[in-house]
């Protein structure tokens, strides 16, 4: 099985020639800032202000100690840390040492961690004693049985100083060592595939491709040393790591302000206290912020830009962001596999409210195709196929899945249903797997969800498929409502929007709150399990 699928040589030459790939490790931006503005704040974590000098030194100390302990360049690591400064210090340390991590989300539990350890067979495990799985060594012992090659386990706040991560970060008495030669075309780390079902697959990301995505994103989003970025979503998530995320902020010399969650009261206090100018949220979190302001919470004055990504964002909510939060909106549509799209800061309001942006790069080769692989005309709904200088070429050790996910020309089939306008802007209308096949008629769930969200009483909406003996599948709308509303009124609302009759939900269910995945997307698998039990 193949660990890493490289780009073809002709594309490698093209990407270097055009300056996308600069053959430097992802850490080069940190080192530039550590020299240029060593005393500037890189990370604000609670009461701690971590300077660029300290971030660079602490990550170097950990890297040298890991190499000195016998963990070698090219070895694998599984890391699970909460939203704290140590996450970034550890990430930079592993990149400097050439140790390839996968960064598990802190909400991940035994199923996911067993899978990562099984796939990677790591020599290094880094976690937190605050996590229920690592409150003692029972689960660690289980992981050691899955991967008998685990040589070292380090934990945040471990009572044993020999395995306490913070002791390994101390820069004062760090041993001297020889730095490995990092090949920028090689794998830097493994990102996690998105989606709400199944165990995430591992995506090899190289220094060259990921660094380009970060640099280009920072430029598009106009980041500067004055940028103060709120990280309230899980720090390992691709969106808040690189789009432009924390890495983009570090590249620009700004400050990342850590938050435990996107809860409005917590975040608004942090924004006010630290002068945050920019925040990245998922649609469900935006809804919470909007409701909090309507309930009387004062939006912070310093906030200039809210990015929304991670899931489809309803136009009705998009239009409320400037009005209610008093800041600009930027829509982001990306994937851990590579392709990232942004609405530009100088786009007109209609484009910002109604699209999810256009790709970073002129050499992002984006195709919108029908089920038979034929190109769709502008405005038609089709499946997204993509290849480019930062879109990967194959999942880690997944030959069967890769055969289905890629064509012979290296185009990745993302599973997204999109429409593209004549200027290359994309509108996400659903997922292939989110289609409901109702008696042969295909219904894109996100299209119906977007229309439901136009109703003034509907706060959140999810359309899921339920088995039906006659139709094969039927649509069930699951809603969170501000006040009670009759199903017949919701159906009339949809009809008034001009929806085809076959797209009307066959069933409407109200819940108090939506189950969410670890990154804040509506967990449709959990909804299906719950709703099927009550049908």
Protein backbone atom coordinates (compact mmCIF):
# COMPACT_ATOMS: atom_id res chain seq x y z
CA UNK A 1 0.00 0.00 0.00
CA UNK A 2 1.16 3.53 -0.82
CA UNK A 3 1.79 5.94 2.06
CA UNK A 4 2.00 8.97 -0.21
CA UNK A 5 0.99 9.62 -3.81
CA UNK A 6 3.20 12.33 -5.39
CA UNK A 7 2.18 14.84 -8.02
CA UNK A 8 3.30 14.07 -11.61
CA UNK A 9 6.69 15.54 -12.53
CA UNK A 10 5.28 17.99 -15.09
CA UNK A 11 2.98 19.52 -12.46
CA UNK A 12 5.77 19.61 -9.88
CA UNK A 13 7.89 21.62 -12.32
CA UNK A 14 4.98 23.94 -13.10
CA UNK A 15 4.21 24.61 -9.42
CA UNK A 16 7.85 25.42 -8.67
CA UNK A 17 8.21 27.56 -11.77
CA UNK A 18 5.17 29.65 -10.80
CA UNK A 19 6.38 30.10 -7.23
CA UNK A 20 3.64 28.09 -5.53
CA UNK A 21 6.14 25.63 -4.13
CA UNK A 22 9.18 27.37 -2.63
CA UNK A 23 10.86 24.27 -1.15
CA UNK A 24 10.83 25.53 2.43
CA UNK A 25 9.33 23.78 5.46
CA UNK A 26 6.07 25.02 6.96
CA UNK A 27 8.07 26.28 9.94
CA UNK A 28 9.98 28.86 7.89
CA UNK A 29 7.33 31.53 8.53
CA UNK A 30 7.69 31.12 12.29
CA UNK A 31 11.44 31.52 12.13
CA UNK A 32 11.13 34.66 10.01
CA UNK A 33 8.77 36.22 12.56
CA UNK A 34 10.89 35.08 15.53
CA UNK A 35 13.77 37.05 14.03
CA UNK A 36 11.73 40.04 12.84
CA UNK A 37 9.49 40.56 15.90
CA UNK A 38 10.74 38.26 18.69
CA UNK A 39 8.86 40.06 21.48
CA UNK A 40 5.51 40.32 19.67
CA UNK A 41 2.69 38.14 20.99
CA UNK A 42 2.12 35.05 18.87
CA UNK A 43 -0.40 33.27 21.11
CA UNK A 44 -2.72 34.59 23.80
CA UNK A 45 -3.79 31.56 25.85
CA UNK A 46 -5.72 32.49 28.98
CA UNK A 47 -3.45 34.78 30.98
CA UNK A 48 -0.36 33.60 29.08
CA UNK A 49 1.09 35.68 26.26
CA UNK A 50 3.53 33.57 24.21
CA UNK A 51 5.97 35.61 22.16
CA UNK A 52 7.33 34.59 18.78
CA UNK A 53 10.72 34.08 20.41
CA UNK A 54 9.24 31.77 23.05
CA UNK A 55 7.16 29.87 20.50
CA UNK A 56 10.23 29.23 18.39
CA UNK A 57 12.45 28.29 21.32
CA UNK A 58 9.95 26.01 23.03
CA UNK A 59 9.16 24.14 19.80
CA UNK A 60 12.89 23.75 19.08
CA UNK A 61 13.49 22.44 22.61
CA UNK A 62 10.79 19.80 22.21
CA UNK A 63 12.03 18.83 18.75
CA UNK A 64 15.61 18.31 19.98
CA UNK A 65 14.48 16.34 23.03
CA UNK A 66 12.28 14.07 20.91
CA UNK A 67 15.11 13.34 18.48
CA UNK A 68 17.48 12.84 21.41
CA UNK A 69 15.06 10.31 22.92
CA UNK A 70 15.25 8.10 19.84
CA UNK A 71 12.17 9.22 17.92
CA UNK A 72 13.50 9.69 14.40
CA UNK A 73 12.76 11.77 11.34
CA UNK A 74 10.04 10.01 9.35
CA UNK A 75 8.44 8.39 12.41
CA UNK A 76 4.76 8.91 13.11
CA UNK A 77 2.99 10.52 16.07
CA UNK A 78 -0.60 10.69 17.27
CA UNK A 79 -1.36 13.97 19.06
CA UNK A 80 -4.50 14.98 20.92
CA UNK A 81 -4.42 18.32 22.71
CA UNK A 82 -7.11 20.90 23.57
CA UNK A 83 -7.19 24.50 22.39
CA UNK A 84 -4.06 25.74 24.11
CA UNK A 85 -0.65 27.15 23.23
CA UNK A 86 0.93 23.71 23.64
CA UNK A 87 -0.93 22.48 20.57
CA UNK A 88 0.94 24.90 18.29
CA UNK A 89 4.26 24.47 20.09
CA UNK A 90 4.00 20.71 19.68
CA UNK A 91 2.94 20.96 16.05
CA UNK A 92 5.89 23.17 15.14
CA UNK A 93 8.24 20.92 17.11
CA UNK A 94 7.19 17.82 15.20
CA UNK A 95 7.53 19.63 11.87
CA UNK A 96 11.05 20.77 12.83
CA UNK A 97 12.02 17.23 13.82
CA UNK A 98 10.53 15.68 10.70
CA UNK A 99 8.17 13.56 12.81
CA UNK A 100 4.83 13.17 11.05
CA UNK A 101 1.80 13.67 13.31
CA UNK A 102 -1.89 13.30 12.95
CA UNK A 103 -3.65 15.83 15.18
CA UNK A 104 -6.79 14.28 16.63
CA UNK A 105 -9.60 16.58 17.66
CA UNK A 106 -10.04 16.81 21.44
CA UNK A 107 -13.61 15.52 21.04
CA UNK A 108 -12.38 12.34 19.43
CA UNK A 109 -12.77 9.24 21.54
CA UNK A 110 -11.58 5.65 21.56
CA UNK A 111 -12.91 4.67 18.12
CA UNK A 112 -11.03 7.42 16.30
CA UNK A 113 -7.82 7.15 18.32
CA UNK A 114 -7.65 3.39 17.88
CA UNK A 115 -8.05 3.92 14.14
CA UNK A 116 -5.26 6.52 13.93
CA UNK A 117 -2.89 4.34 15.93
CA UNK A 118 -3.79 1.29 13.85
CA UNK A 119 -3.19 3.15 10.59
CA UNK A 120 0.00 5.03 11.50
CA UNK A 121 1.68 2.62 13.97
CA UNK A 122 3.22 5.65 15.74
CA UNK A 123 6.29 5.71 17.93
CA UNK A 124 5.07 8.81 19.79
CA UNK A 125 1.81 9.56 21.59
CA UNK A 126 1.06 13.03 22.97
CA UNK A 127 -2.14 13.72 24.89
CA UNK A 128 -3.67 15.50 27.85
CA UNK A 129 -4.54 14.13 31.27
CA UNK A 130 -7.66 16.31 31.09
CA UNK A 131 -9.06 13.98 28.43
CA UNK A 132 -11.26 11.19 29.88
CA UNK A 133 -9.35 8.52 27.95
CA UNK A 134 -6.02 9.57 29.43
CA UNK A 135 -6.95 10.25 33.05
CA UNK A 136 -4.95 7.10 33.79
CA UNK A 137 -2.83 4.70 31.71
CA UNK A 138 -5.53 2.12 30.93
CA UNK A 139 -6.30 3.35 27.42
CA UNK A 140 -2.63 4.07 26.76
CA UNK A 141 -1.96 0.40 27.44
CA UNK A 142 -4.66 -0.56 24.96
CA UNK A 143 -3.07 1.66 22.31
CA UNK A 144 0.33 0.10 22.99
CA UNK A 145 -1.18 -3.29 22.18
CA UNK A 146 -2.49 -1.95 18.86
CA UNK A 147 0.88 -0.38 18.03
CA UNK A 148 3.65 -2.13 19.90
CA UNK A 149 6.07 0.37 18.40
CA UNK A 150 4.95 3.22 20.70
CA UNK A 151 8.16 4.22 22.44
CA UNK A 152 7.21 7.46 24.18
CA UNK A 153 4.03 8.90 25.71
CA UNK A 154 3.87 12.51 26.84
CA UNK A 155 0.90 14.16 28.53
CA UNK A 156 -0.10 17.71 29.30
CA UNK A 157 -0.24 18.09 33.11
CA UNK A 158 1.16 14.64 33.82
CA UNK A 159 2.21 14.32 37.50
CA UNK A 160 5.37 12.50 36.45
CA UNK A 161 7.90 15.13 35.30
CA UNK A 162 9.54 12.58 32.97
CA UNK A 163 6.34 12.36 30.88
CA UNK A 164 4.95 15.85 31.49
CA UNK A 165 4.80 17.63 28.13
CA UNK A 166 5.49 21.03 29.66
CA UNK A 167 8.82 19.81 31.05
CA UNK A 168 9.84 18.80 27.52
CA UNK A 169 9.05 22.33 26.30
CA UNK A 170 11.47 24.09 28.66
CA UNK A 171 14.02 25.88 26.52
CA UNK A 172 16.65 26.77 29.16
CA UNK A 173 18.38 23.40 29.45
CA UNK A 174 17.49 21.90 26.07
CA UNK A 175 20.26 19.64 24.73
CA UNK A 176 22.22 20.56 21.65
CA UNK A 177 21.52 18.53 18.55
CA UNK A 178 21.75 18.35 14.80
CA UNK A 179 18.67 19.44 12.90
CA UNK A 180 17.43 17.02 10.25
CA UNK A 181 17.28 18.14 6.65
CA UNK A 182 13.56 18.65 5.97
CA UNK A 183 12.58 17.88 2.38
CA UNK A 184 9.74 20.24 1.51
CA UNK A 185 8.30 17.85 -1.07
CA UNK A 186 7.91 15.17 1.61
CA UNK A 187 4.98 14.51 3.97
CA UNK A 188 4.81 17.02 6.83
CA UNK A 189 1.77 15.66 8.67
CA UNK A 190 -1.56 13.94 8.19
CA UNK A 191 -4.78 15.92 8.07
CA UNK A 192 -8.16 14.36 8.83
CA UNK A 193 -10.86 13.98 6.20
CA UNK A 194 -14.13 15.75 6.94
CA UNK A 195 -17.67 14.48 7.01
CA UNK A 196 -20.09 13.41 9.70
CA UNK A 197 -19.99 9.65 9.27
CA UNK A 198 -17.33 7.01 9.69
CA UNK A 199 -13.78 7.24 10.96
CA UNK A 200 -11.79 10.00 9.21
CA UNK A 201 -9.25 8.92 6.62
CA UNK A 202 -5.73 10.29 6.74
CA UNK A 203 -4.59 12.88 4.21
CA UNK A 204 -0.83 13.25 3.63
CA UNK A 205 0.03 16.95 3.38
CA UNK A 206 3.50 18.02 2.26
CA UNK A 207 5.41 21.11 3.36
CA UNK A 208 5.28 22.54 -0.14
CA UNK A 209 1.56 22.18 -0.75
CA UNK A 210 0.37 23.18 2.73
CA UNK A 211 2.75 26.12 2.99
CA UNK A 212 1.49 27.47 -0.32
CA UNK A 213 -2.12 27.21 0.84
CA UNK A 214 -1.27 29.14 4.02
CA UNK A 215 0.73 31.87 2.25
CA UNK A 216 -1.89 32.41 -0.44
CA UNK A 217 -4.70 32.45 2.11
CA UNK A 218 -2.91 35.01 4.28
CA UNK A 219 -2.51 37.26 1.24
CA UNK A 220 -6.14 36.93 0.12
CA UNK A 221 -7.40 37.64 3.66
CA UNK A 222 -4.99 40.59 3.99
CA UNK A 223 -3.46 39.46 7.27
CA UNK A 224 -0.92 41.77 8.93
CA UNK A 225 1.01 41.93 12.21
CA UNK A 226 -2.01 43.79 13.58
CA UNK A 227 -4.34 40.84 12.96
CA UNK A 228 -5.82 39.36 16.14
CA UNK A 229 -7.44 36.02 15.28
CA UNK A 230 -9.88 34.18 17.54
CA UNK A 231 -9.46 30.40 17.43
CA UNK A 232 -12.72 29.13 18.97
CA UNK A 233 -13.10 25.98 16.85
CA UNK A 234 -10.91 22.89 17.41
CA UNK A 235 -7.35 24.02 16.67
CA UNK A 236 -6.37 20.96 14.56
CA UNK A 237 -9.24 21.48 12.13
CA UNK A 238 -7.97 22.40 8.68
CA UNK A 239 -10.18 25.50 8.52
CA UNK A 240 -8.79 27.23 11.62
CA UNK A 241 -5.29 25.86 11.08
CA UNK A 242 -4.66 27.05 7.54
CA UNK A 243 -7.56 28.94 5.91
CA UNK A 244 -5.81 31.21 6.70
CA UNK A 245 -6.15 30.13 10.32
CA UNK A 246 -3.45 30.20 12.94
CA UNK A 247 -0.66 29.32 10.51
CA UNK A 248 -1.63 32.22 8.28
CA UNK A 249 -1.62 34.55 11.29
CA UNK A 250 1.81 33.30 12.37
CA UNK A 251 3.09 33.78 8.81
CA UNK A 252 1.87 37.41 8.92
CA UNK A 253 3.19 38.08 12.43
CA UNK A 254 -0.21 38.54 14.11
CA UNK A 255 -1.67 37.06 17.30
CA UNK A 256 -3.82 33.96 17.81
CA UNK A 257 -6.24 34.24 20.74
CA UNK A 258 -7.34 30.85 22.08
CA UNK A 259 -10.91 30.07 23.16
CA UNK A 260 -12.26 26.80 24.55
CA UNK A 261 -15.45 27.02 22.49
CA UNK A 262 -17.43 29.43 20.28
CA UNK A 263 -19.87 30.16 23.14
CA UNK A 264 -20.87 33.84 22.67
CA UNK A 265 -20.30 35.18 26.19
CA UNK A 266 -16.85 33.61 26.40
CA UNK A 267 -15.82 34.74 22.91
CA UNK A 268 -17.18 38.27 23.17
CA UNK A 269 -15.24 38.78 26.42
CA UNK A 270 -12.03 37.54 24.77
CA UNK A 271 -12.60 39.69 21.68
CA UNK A 272 -13.13 42.78 23.82
CA UNK A 273 -10.20 42.06 26.13
CA UNK A 274 -7.62 41.31 23.43
CA UNK A 275 -8.85 43.50 20.58
CA UNK A 276 -9.64 40.55 18.30
CA UNK A 277 -10.17 41.68 14.71
CA UNK A 278 -11.03 38.39 13.01
CA UNK A 279 -12.89 35.19 13.91
CA UNK A 280 -13.52 31.93 12.06
CA UNK A 281 -16.81 30.17 12.75
CA UNK A 282 -19.06 27.42 11.44
CA UNK A 283 -22.71 28.25 10.63
CA UNK A 284 -24.10 26.80 13.86
CA UNK A 285 -21.78 29.05 15.89
CA UNK A 286 -22.79 32.09 13.84
CA UNK A 287 -26.39 31.31 14.72
CA UNK A 288 -25.49 31.31 18.41
CA UNK A 289 -23.74 34.68 18.11
CA UNK A 290 -26.65 36.23 16.23
CA UNK A 291 -29.16 35.00 18.80
CA UNK A 292 -26.97 36.24 21.67
CA UNK A 293 -26.85 39.74 20.21
CA UNK A 294 -30.58 39.77 19.67
CA UNK A 295 -30.97 38.73 23.31
CA UNK A 296 -29.02 41.80 24.40
CA UNK A 297 -25.33 40.84 24.28
CA UNK A 298 -23.30 43.75 22.90
CA UNK A 299 -21.17 42.82 19.85
CA UNK A 300 -17.48 43.75 20.31
CA UNK A 301 -16.29 46.91 18.60
CA UNK A 302 -12.89 45.57 17.54
CA UNK A 303 -14.26 42.71 15.42
CA UNK A 304 -13.78 43.55 11.74
CA UNK A 305 -14.27 40.24 9.94
CA UNK A 306 -16.12 36.98 10.55
CA UNK A 307 -15.22 34.06 8.35
CA UNK A 308 -17.84 31.34 7.95
CA UNK A 309 -16.94 27.90 6.65
CA UNK A 310 -16.95 24.23 7.49
CA UNK A 311 -20.51 23.72 6.24
CA UNK A 312 -22.97 25.32 3.86
CA UNK A 313 -24.08 28.76 5.06
CA UNK A 314 -27.65 29.82 4.40
CA UNK A 315 -28.06 33.11 2.57
CA UNK A 316 -30.59 34.32 5.14
CA UNK A 317 -28.03 33.98 7.94
CA UNK A 318 -25.24 35.42 5.80
CA UNK A 319 -27.19 38.63 5.28
CA UNK A 320 -27.59 39.05 9.05
CA UNK A 321 -23.87 39.05 9.89
CA UNK A 322 -23.03 42.67 8.95
CA UNK A 323 -26.36 43.94 10.24
CA UNK A 324 -26.33 42.17 13.63
CA UNK A 325 -22.61 41.69 14.37
CA UNK A 326 -21.49 44.93 12.76
CA UNK A 327 -18.56 43.43 10.81
CA UNK A 328 -17.70 42.14 7.38
CA UNK A 329 -18.45 38.58 6.29
CA UNK A 330 -16.14 36.30 4.34
CA UNK A 331 -17.36 32.92 3.18
CA UNK A 332 -14.88 30.04 3.02
CA UNK A 333 -15.37 26.71 1.30
CA UNK A 334 -12.51 24.29 1.63
CA UNK A 335 -11.53 20.77 2.40
CA UNK A 336 -8.73 19.08 4.31
CA UNK A 337 -7.87 17.36 1.04
CA UNK A 338 -6.77 20.69 -0.43
CA UNK A 339 -8.96 23.09 -2.42
CA UNK A 340 -9.89 26.31 -0.61
CA UNK A 341 -12.26 29.01 -1.90
CA UNK A 342 -12.84 32.50 -0.49
CA UNK A 343 -15.15 35.35 -1.21
CA UNK A 344 -12.78 38.29 -1.59
CA UNK A 345 -12.85 41.19 0.82
CA UNK A 346 -13.72 43.62 -1.98
CA UNK A 347 -16.48 41.45 -3.49
CA UNK A 348 -19.93 43.00 -3.71
CA UNK A 349 -22.43 42.03 -1.02
CA UNK A 350 -24.53 39.77 -3.25
CA UNK A 351 -21.52 37.66 -4.12
CA UNK A 352 -20.50 37.44 -0.45
CA UNK A 353 -24.02 36.49 0.66
CA UNK A 354 -24.83 34.00 -2.11
CA UNK A 355 -21.57 32.17 -2.92
CA UNK A 356 -18.84 30.34 -1.10
CA UNK A 357 -16.08 32.07 -3.06
CA UNK A 358 -13.60 31.15 -5.74
CA UNK A 359 -10.36 29.15 -5.55
CA UNK A 360 -7.06 30.47 -4.26
CA UNK A 361 -5.04 29.76 -7.34
CA UNK A 362 -5.34 30.17 -11.10
CA UNK A 363 -3.94 26.64 -11.39
CA UNK A 364 -6.66 25.13 -9.24
CA UNK A 365 -8.16 22.94 -11.96
CA UNK A 366 -11.83 22.83 -10.97
CA UNK A 367 -14.43 20.90 -12.95
CA UNK A 368 -18.19 20.67 -12.33
CA UNK A 369 -19.48 17.45 -13.87
CA UNK A 370 -22.66 15.43 -14.02
CA UNK A 371 -22.99 11.83 -12.87
CA UNK A 372 -21.66 10.60 -16.22
CA UNK A 373 -18.54 12.77 -16.03
CA UNK A 374 -19.63 15.39 -18.55
CA UNK A 375 -18.91 19.06 -17.87
CA UNK A 376 -21.85 21.10 -16.62
CA UNK A 377 -22.71 24.52 -17.98
CA UNK A 378 -22.32 27.57 -15.74
CA UNK A 379 -25.14 27.65 -13.18
CA UNK A 380 -25.92 23.94 -13.45
CA UNK A 381 -25.56 21.68 -10.42
CA UNK A 382 -22.86 19.06 -10.69
CA UNK A 383 -20.19 17.18 -8.79
CA UNK A 384 -16.96 18.95 -7.88
CA UNK A 385 -13.75 17.49 -9.32
CA UNK A 386 -10.45 19.20 -8.56
CA UNK A 387 -6.68 18.96 -8.81
CA UNK A 388 -4.05 21.60 -8.14
CA UNK A 389 -0.87 22.66 -6.33
CA UNK A 390 -2.26 22.00 -2.84
CA UNK A 391 -4.89 19.31 -3.47
CA UNK A 392 -3.58 15.91 -2.46
CA UNK A 393 -3.29 12.93 -4.78
CA UNK A 394 -4.26 10.03 -2.50
CA UNK A 395 -5.32 9.03 1.02
CA UNK A 396 -2.85 7.24 3.30
CA UNK A 397 -2.81 3.50 2.63
CA UNK A 398 -6.29 3.48 1.09
CA UNK A 399 -5.88 1.96 -2.39
CA UNK A 400 -9.51 0.86 -2.74
CA UNK A 401 -10.90 4.20 -1.68
CA UNK A 402 -8.36 6.10 -3.81
CA UNK A 403 -9.47 4.17 -6.86
CA UNK A 404 -12.99 5.50 -6.35
CA UNK A 405 -11.99 9.01 -5.23
CA UNK A 406 -9.63 9.84 -8.13
CA UNK A 407 -9.80 9.50 -11.88
CA UNK A 408 -6.91 8.61 -14.17
CA UNK A 409 -5.99 12.30 -14.58
CA UNK A 410 -5.60 12.84 -10.84
CA UNK A 411 -8.84 14.73 -10.29
CA UNK A 412 -10.22 14.30 -6.79
CA UNK A 413 -13.97 13.72 -6.59
CA UNK A 414 -14.91 15.62 -3.45
CA UNK A 415 -18.54 14.51 -3.22
CA UNK A 416 -19.74 18.12 -3.15
CA UNK A 417 -22.62 19.28 -5.33
CA UNK A 418 -21.89 22.79 -6.57
CA UNK A 419 -22.87 25.42 -9.08
CA UNK A 420 -20.23 27.63 -10.70
CA UNK A 421 -20.83 31.03 -12.22
CA UNK A 422 -19.00 32.52 -15.20
CA UNK A 423 -16.43 34.15 -12.90
CA UNK A 424 -15.51 30.89 -11.19
CA UNK A 425 -17.39 31.47 -7.94
CA UNK A 426 -18.90 28.35 -6.40
CA UNK A 427 -22.17 27.86 -4.60
CA UNK A 428 -22.40 24.69 -2.57
CA UNK A 429 -25.85 23.13 -2.85
CA UNK A 430 -25.29 19.77 -1.21
CA UNK A 431 -23.37 16.55 -1.04
CA UNK A 432 -23.68 13.53 -3.28
CA UNK A 433 -24.13 11.36 -0.22
CA UNK A 434 -26.66 13.89 1.12
CA UNK A 435 -28.93 13.38 -1.83
CA UNK A 436 -32.32 11.85 -1.11
CA UNK A 437 -33.55 9.53 -3.84
CA UNK A 438 -37.31 9.86 -3.51
CA UNK A 439 -38.90 7.58 -6.06
CA UNK A 440 -36.13 8.32 -8.54
CA UNK A 441 -36.21 12.09 -7.96
CA UNK A 442 -32.95 13.40 -6.50
CA UNK A 443 -33.22 16.00 -3.72
CA UNK A 444 -30.14 17.95 -2.57
CA UNK A 445 -30.63 18.24 1.19
CA UNK A 446 -28.86 21.59 1.54
CA UNK A 447 -31.14 23.22 -1.01
CA UNK A 448 -34.22 22.42 1.08
CA UNK A 449 -32.41 23.29 4.30
CA UNK A 450 -31.51 26.72 2.93
CA UNK A 451 -35.15 27.42 2.09
CA UNK A 452 -36.34 26.25 5.50
CA UNK A 453 -33.89 28.63 7.14
CA UNK A 454 -35.62 31.54 5.43
CA UNK A 455 -38.58 31.02 7.74
CA UNK A 456 -38.29 33.58 10.57
CA UNK A 457 -38.91 30.98 13.29
CA UNK A 458 -36.40 28.38 12.04
CA UNK A 459 -32.94 28.57 13.63
CA UNK A 460 -31.37 25.34 12.33
CA UNK A 461 -32.45 22.81 9.72
CA UNK A 462 -31.31 19.40 8.54
CA UNK A 463 -32.95 17.24 5.88
CA UNK A 464 -32.22 13.55 6.26
CA UNK A 465 -33.26 10.46 4.34
CA UNK A 466 -35.51 7.82 5.88
CA UNK A 467 -36.13 4.43 4.26
CA UNK A 468 -39.52 4.03 2.61
CA UNK A 469 -40.95 0.80 1.20
CA UNK A 470 -42.72 2.57 -1.67
CA UNK A 471 -40.40 5.44 -2.58
CA UNK A 472 -37.06 4.00 -1.50
CA UNK A 473 -36.33 7.11 0.57
CA UNK A 474 -38.37 10.00 1.89
CA UNK A 475 -37.27 13.33 3.28
CA UNK A 476 -37.46 14.17 6.96
CA UNK A 477 -36.80 17.77 8.04
CA UNK A 478 -35.34 18.13 11.52
CA UNK A 479 -35.66 21.66 12.86
CA UNK A 480 -34.70 23.85 15.79
CA UNK A 481 -37.29 26.63 16.02
CA UNK A 482 -37.36 29.90 17.94
CA UNK A 483 -41.10 29.47 18.63
CA UNK A 484 -43.59 26.69 17.83
CA UNK A 485 -44.63 26.56 14.19
CA UNK A 486 -47.08 24.19 12.51
CA UNK A 487 -45.70 21.76 9.89
CA UNK A 488 -48.39 22.85 7.44
CA UNK A 489 -47.13 26.43 7.72
CA UNK A 490 -43.58 25.29 6.96
CA UNK A 491 -44.71 23.38 3.90
CA UNK A 492 -46.65 26.42 2.72
CA UNK A 493 -43.49 28.49 3.28
CA UNK A 494 -41.53 26.11 1.04
CA UNK A 495 -44.20 26.17 -1.64
CA UNK A 496 -44.14 29.95 -1.58
CA UNK A 497 -40.38 29.79 -2.23
CA UNK A 498 -41.14 27.97 -5.48
CA UNK A 499 -39.84 24.56 -4.47
CA UNK A 500 -40.84 21.52 -6.50
CA UNK A 501 -43.52 19.46 -4.78
CA UNK A 502 -41.41 16.32 -4.64
CA UNK A 503 -38.82 18.20 -2.55
CA UNK A 504 -41.29 18.96 0.24
CA UNK A 505 -40.35 17.08 3.45
CA UNK A 506 -42.56 14.06 4.04
CA UNK A 507 -42.03 14.46 7.76
CA UNK A 508 -41.09 17.38 10.02
CA UNK A 509 -39.57 16.82 13.44
CA UNK A 510 -38.65 19.48 16.02
CA UNK A 511 -35.71 19.09 18.39
CA UNK A 512 -34.34 21.38 21.09
CA UNK A 513 -30.77 21.20 19.76
CA UNK A 514 -28.92 19.58 16.90
CA UNK A 515 -26.25 16.98 17.59
CA UNK A 516 -22.93 18.28 16.29
CA UNK A 517 -19.73 16.67 15.10
CA UNK A 518 -16.45 17.58 16.76
CA UNK A 519 -15.96 20.48 14.33
CA UNK A 520 -19.43 21.93 14.76
CA UNK A 521 -21.23 20.46 11.75
CA UNK A 522 -24.72 18.99 12.20
CA UNK A 523 -24.22 15.28 12.82
CA UNK A 524 -26.68 13.73 10.41
CA UNK A 525 -25.67 10.20 11.33
CA UNK A 526 -26.73 10.86 14.93
CA UNK A 527 -29.93 12.49 13.71
CA UNK A 528 -30.79 9.50 11.55
CA UNK A 529 -30.25 7.12 14.44
CA UNK A 530 -32.42 9.24 16.75
CA UNK A 531 -35.21 9.93 14.27
CA UNK A 532 -35.41 6.36 13.02
CA UNK A 533 -35.96 5.23 16.61
CA UNK A 534 -38.97 7.55 16.96
CA UNK A 535 -40.66 7.07 13.58
